[in-house]
Amino acid sequence: MKKYMYDGMVCRRDTLDEYIVREVRGCYRHLSLRKRDVVLDVGANIGAFCAHVADSVHSVIGYEPDPENYKLCCTNTQKMDNVVVHNQAVISTWAKHCTLFINDMKNKGSHSIMPVRGRSYTDVSSVNFGYVLSSVKPTVVKMDVEGAEYDLILSCSFPGSVREIAIEFHLQKTAQRRQLPAVRAHLNAQGFVEKVPFTWKETTWHKVAFYQRKTPE
């Protein structure tokens, strides 16, 4: 697949890579980053978020399950000494492998570990979310996992080191919308509150929510 440069990032032609780079530049503006922050990027894709925040923080640890996205992520962050990316899916169980459902169309950022009817799929390496949190000890977590965010968040609690979270909630399915109150309550019980009001319309497919920890865990 042919590639080209856009805003300092290597993108693939005939994909939505360039759109994703533009989206990242704008939609995470509500995160308050500090120079000592350790940022966990769950769903790193081609590295747009990793590259966007690298200069503002101490380190970025990314996880991207798709081999092609992972290779491009490594290319886009190879000159950033404080960025490390793992070619693994982050999951709620302790399985060493899981199924990744592939979007064969233009959006290479919508591969998902959640079953999608009619998609091709592949086996990928995986790691437990709670284990990642306890080993990385992030202060900021960014999560874009194409519908798996509900299971991941409900599977464990965030360690006390986590100050802020940015979660892209996927809302196109009724089951997802029904899970949202439980997820919000789970975060609130850990001392997290919304930095900005999180609202959506019936036509909303996905939207980023921003949380900050107000009270001790």
Protein backbone atom coordinates (compact mmCIF):
# COMPACT_ATOMS: atom_id res chain seq x y z
CA MET A 1 0.00 0.00 0.00
CA LYS A 2 1.37 3.41 -1.00
CA LYS A 3 2.25 5.84 1.79
CA TYR A 4 2.70 9.59 2.09
CA MET A 5 3.52 12.19 4.75
CA TYR A 6 0.84 14.27 6.42
CA ASP A 7 1.64 16.66 9.29
CA GLY A 8 4.78 14.70 10.12
CA MET A 9 3.01 11.32 10.09
CA VAL A 10 3.32 8.49 7.58
CA CYS A 11 -0.17 7.66 6.29
CA ARG A 12 -1.51 5.04 3.88
CA ARG A 13 -3.29 6.09 0.71
CA ASP A 14 -6.94 5.10 0.31
CA THR A 15 -7.42 4.87 4.08
CA LEU A 16 -8.68 7.19 6.81
CA ASP A 17 -5.20 7.53 8.36
CA GLU A 18 -5.00 11.25 7.56
CA TYR A 19 -8.44 11.83 9.05
CA ILE A 20 -7.37 10.05 12.24
CA VAL A 21 -4.28 12.28 12.53
CA ARG A 22 -6.45 15.39 12.19
CA GLU A 23 -9.00 14.04 14.66
CA VAL A 24 -6.37 13.33 17.30
CA ARG A 25 -4.96 16.83 16.97
CA GLY A 26 -8.30 18.28 18.02
CA CYS A 27 -10.37 15.88 20.08
CA TYR A 28 -8.00 15.37 23.06
CA ARG A 29 -7.60 19.04 23.89
CA HIS A 30 -9.32 18.61 27.26
CA LEU A 31 -6.49 16.47 28.63
CA SER A 32 -4.25 18.38 31.04
CA LEU A 33 -0.80 16.89 30.47
CA ARG A 34 2.24 17.41 32.67
CA LYS A 35 5.91 16.88 31.93
CA ARG A 36 6.17 14.07 34.47
CA ASP A 37 3.13 12.17 33.17
CA VAL A 38 3.28 8.52 32.16
CA VAL A 39 0.63 8.10 29.46
CA LEU A 40 -0.97 4.77 28.57
CA ASP A 41 -2.40 4.67 25.04
CA VAL A 42 -4.76 1.70 24.66
CA GLY A 43 -5.52 1.45 20.95
CA ALA A 44 -2.52 3.29 19.55
CA ASN A 45 -3.41 2.74 15.86
CA ILE A 46 -0.72 4.41 13.70
CA GLY A 47 0.73 6.41 16.59
CA ALA A 48 -1.06 9.72 16.04
CA PHE A 49 -1.85 10.21 19.74
CA CYS A 50 1.54 8.88 20.93
CA ALA A 51 3.33 11.34 18.66
CA HIS A 52 0.97 14.19 19.52
CA VAL A 53 1.65 14.05 23.28
CA ALA A 54 5.23 12.70 23.40
CA ASP A 55 6.89 16.11 23.75
CA SER A 56 4.58 17.11 26.60
CA VAL A 57 5.06 14.12 28.92
CA HIS A 58 7.70 11.89 30.50
CA SER A 59 6.77 8.73 28.56
CA VAL A 60 4.07 7.09 26.45
CA ILE A 61 3.34 3.36 26.45
CA GLY A 62 1.07 2.24 23.61
CA TYR A 63 -0.75 -0.98 22.77
CA GLU A 64 -1.90 -1.77 19.23
CA PRO A 65 -3.03 -5.29 18.20
CA ASP A 66 -3.11 -5.02 14.41
CA PRO A 67 0.30 -5.88 12.89
CA GLU A 68 0.10 -3.35 10.06
CA ASN A 69 -1.05 -0.52 12.30
CA TYR A 70 1.65 -1.47 14.79
CA LYS A 71 4.40 -1.28 12.15
CA LEU A 72 3.23 2.15 11.07
CA CYS A 73 2.95 3.25 14.69
CA CYS A 74 6.58 2.23 15.24
CA THR A 75 7.61 4.13 12.11
CA ASN A 76 5.77 7.26 13.24
CA THR A 77 7.32 7.19 16.74
CA GLN A 78 10.78 5.77 16.00
CA LYS A 79 12.55 9.08 16.70
CA MET A 80 10.76 9.55 20.03
CA ASP A 81 12.88 8.00 22.76
CA ASN A 82 10.11 8.20 25.33
CA VAL A 83 7.55 6.18 23.33
CA VAL A 84 7.26 2.38 23.58
CA VAL A 85 4.59 0.47 21.67
CA HIS A 86 3.51 -3.15 22.16
CA ASN A 87 1.90 -5.28 19.43
CA GLN A 88 -0.85 -6.62 21.68
CA ALA A 89 -4.56 -6.30 22.29
CA VAL A 90 -5.54 -5.21 25.79
CA ILE A 91 -8.35 -7.43 27.07
CA SER A 92 -10.39 -8.05 30.23
CA THR A 93 -9.34 -11.70 30.64
CA TRP A 94 -5.96 -13.41 31.07
CA ALA A 95 -5.96 -15.12 27.66
CA LYS A 96 -2.63 -14.88 25.82
CA HIS A 97 -4.35 -14.54 22.44
CA CYS A 98 -7.66 -13.18 21.19
CA THR A 99 -9.55 -12.65 17.95
CA LEU A 100 -9.26 -9.30 16.18
CA PHE A 101 -12.04 -8.49 13.71
CA ILE A 102 -10.62 -6.59 10.75
CA ASN A 103 -12.19 -3.70 8.87
CA ASP A 104 -11.15 -4.39 5.27
CA MET A 105 -12.46 -1.01 4.12
CA LYS A 106 -10.78 2.41 4.51
CA ASN A 107 -10.99 2.81 8.28
CA LYS A 108 -8.01 0.89 9.64
CA GLY A 109 -8.69 2.41 13.05
CA SER A 110 -11.90 0.43 13.56
CA HIS A 111 -10.47 -3.08 13.95
CA SER A 112 -12.01 -4.51 17.10
CA ILE A 113 -11.77 -7.42 19.52
CA MET A 114 -15.57 -7.24 19.73
CA PRO A 115 -17.30 -9.56 17.24
CA VAL A 116 -18.46 -7.82 14.06
CA ARG A 117 -20.65 -9.82 11.69
CA GLY A 118 -19.25 -10.30 8.20
CA ARG A 119 -15.69 -9.22 9.00
CA SER A 120 -12.56 -11.22 8.44
CA TYR A 121 -10.58 -11.93 11.59
CA THR A 122 -7.15 -12.93 12.82
CA ASP A 123 -5.50 -14.19 15.98
CA VAL A 124 -3.40 -11.64 17.90
CA SER A 125 -1.36 -11.56 21.09
CA SER A 126 -3.19 -10.13 24.10
CA VAL A 127 -2.53 -8.90 27.63
CA ASN A 128 -4.78 -8.30 30.65
CA PHE A 129 -5.86 -4.69 31.25
CA GLY A 130 -5.44 -4.85 35.01
CA TYR A 131 -1.93 -6.23 34.57
CA VAL A 132 -1.03 -3.39 32.20
CA LEU A 133 -2.32 -0.78 34.63
CA SER A 134 -0.42 -2.25 37.57
CA SER A 135 2.83 -2.62 35.63
CA VAL A 136 2.80 0.69 33.75
CA LYS A 137 1.38 2.77 36.63
CA PRO A 138 0.15 5.50 34.29
CA THR A 139 -0.96 8.94 35.39
CA VAL A 140 -3.02 9.48 32.22
CA VAL A 141 -4.93 6.84 30.22
CA LYS A 142 -6.25 7.27 26.69
CA MET A 143 -8.53 4.49 25.46
CA ASP A 144 -9.90 3.96 21.94
CA VAL A 145 -10.75 0.28 21.57
CA GLU A 146 -13.77 0.24 19.28
CA GLY A 147 -16.47 -0.92 21.67
CA ALA A 148 -14.34 -2.97 24.07
CA GLU A 149 -14.02 -0.02 26.48
CA TYR A 150 -17.06 -1.10 28.50
CA ASP A 151 -15.72 -4.56 29.33
CA LEU A 152 -12.22 -3.23 30.00
CA ILE A 153 -13.30 -0.52 32.42
CA LEU A 154 -15.69 -2.77 34.32
CA SER A 155 -13.08 -5.54 34.59
CA CYS A 156 -10.86 -3.71 37.08
CA SER A 157 -10.18 -0.50 38.97
CA PHE A 158 -7.71 2.17 37.98
CA PRO A 159 -4.69 2.43 40.29
CA GLY A 160 -4.25 5.51 42.43
CA SER A 161 -1.58 6.81 40.06
CA VAL A 162 -4.19 7.60 37.39
CA ARG A 163 -5.17 11.27 37.41
CA GLU A 164 -7.03 11.62 34.10
CA ILE A 165 -8.71 9.35 31.57
CA ALA A 166 -9.89 9.98 28.01
CA ILE A 167 -12.25 7.29 26.72
CA GLU A 168 -13.79 7.11 23.28
CA PHE A 169 -17.21 5.61 23.99
CA HIS A 170 -18.85 3.83 21.07
CA LEU A 171 -22.60 4.35 21.20
CA GLN A 172 -24.04 2.97 17.98
CA LYS A 173 -25.42 -0.18 19.60
CA THR A 174 -28.25 -0.33 22.13
CA ALA A 175 -26.25 -2.73 24.31
CA GLN A 176 -23.42 -0.20 24.54
CA ARG A 177 -25.73 2.62 25.61
CA ARG A 178 -27.22 0.37 28.27
CA GLN A 179 -23.76 -0.36 29.69
CA LEU A 180 -22.77 3.30 29.90
CA PRO A 181 -24.48 4.07 33.26
CA ALA A 182 -22.66 1.16 34.92
CA VAL A 183 -19.33 2.33 33.52
CA ARG A 184 -19.89 5.90 34.66
CA ALA A 185 -20.89 4.71 38.13
CA HIS A 186 -17.80 2.48 38.30
CA LEU A 187 -15.56 5.44 37.46
CA ASN A 188 -17.38 7.74 39.88
CA ALA A 189 -16.91 5.22 42.69
CA GLN A 190 -13.15 5.51 42.11
CA GLY A 191 -13.25 9.30 42.44
CA PHE A 192 -13.45 10.19 38.74
CA VAL A 193 -15.72 13.00 37.55
CA GLU A 194 -16.33 14.36 34.07
CA LYS A 195 -14.08 17.27 33.13
CA VAL A 196 -16.67 18.40 30.59
CA PRO A 197 -20.33 17.33 30.38
CA PHE A 198 -20.66 14.14 28.35
CA THR A 199 -23.76 14.32 26.18
CA TRP A 200 -24.75 12.66 22.92
CA LYS A 201 -27.57 12.42 20.40
CA GLU A 202 -29.33 9.37 19.02
CA THR A 203 -27.21 9.73 15.89
CA THR A 204 -23.90 9.80 17.80
CA TRP A 205 -21.68 6.80 16.96
CA HIS A 206 -18.76 7.64 19.19
CA LYS A 207 -17.55 10.45 21.42
CA VAL A 208 -14.59 11.04 23.73
CA ALA A 209 -15.32 11.48 27.45
CA PHE A 210 -12.78 13.12 29.78
CA TYR A 211 -12.47 12.19 33.45
CA GLN A 212 -10.31 13.52 36.24
CA ARG A 213 -9.82 12.08 39.70
CA LYS A 214 -11.13 14.48 42.32
CA THR A 215 -10.98 12.37 45.45
CA PRO A 216 -8.43 9.84 46.75
CA GLU A 217 -9.05 6.23 45.78
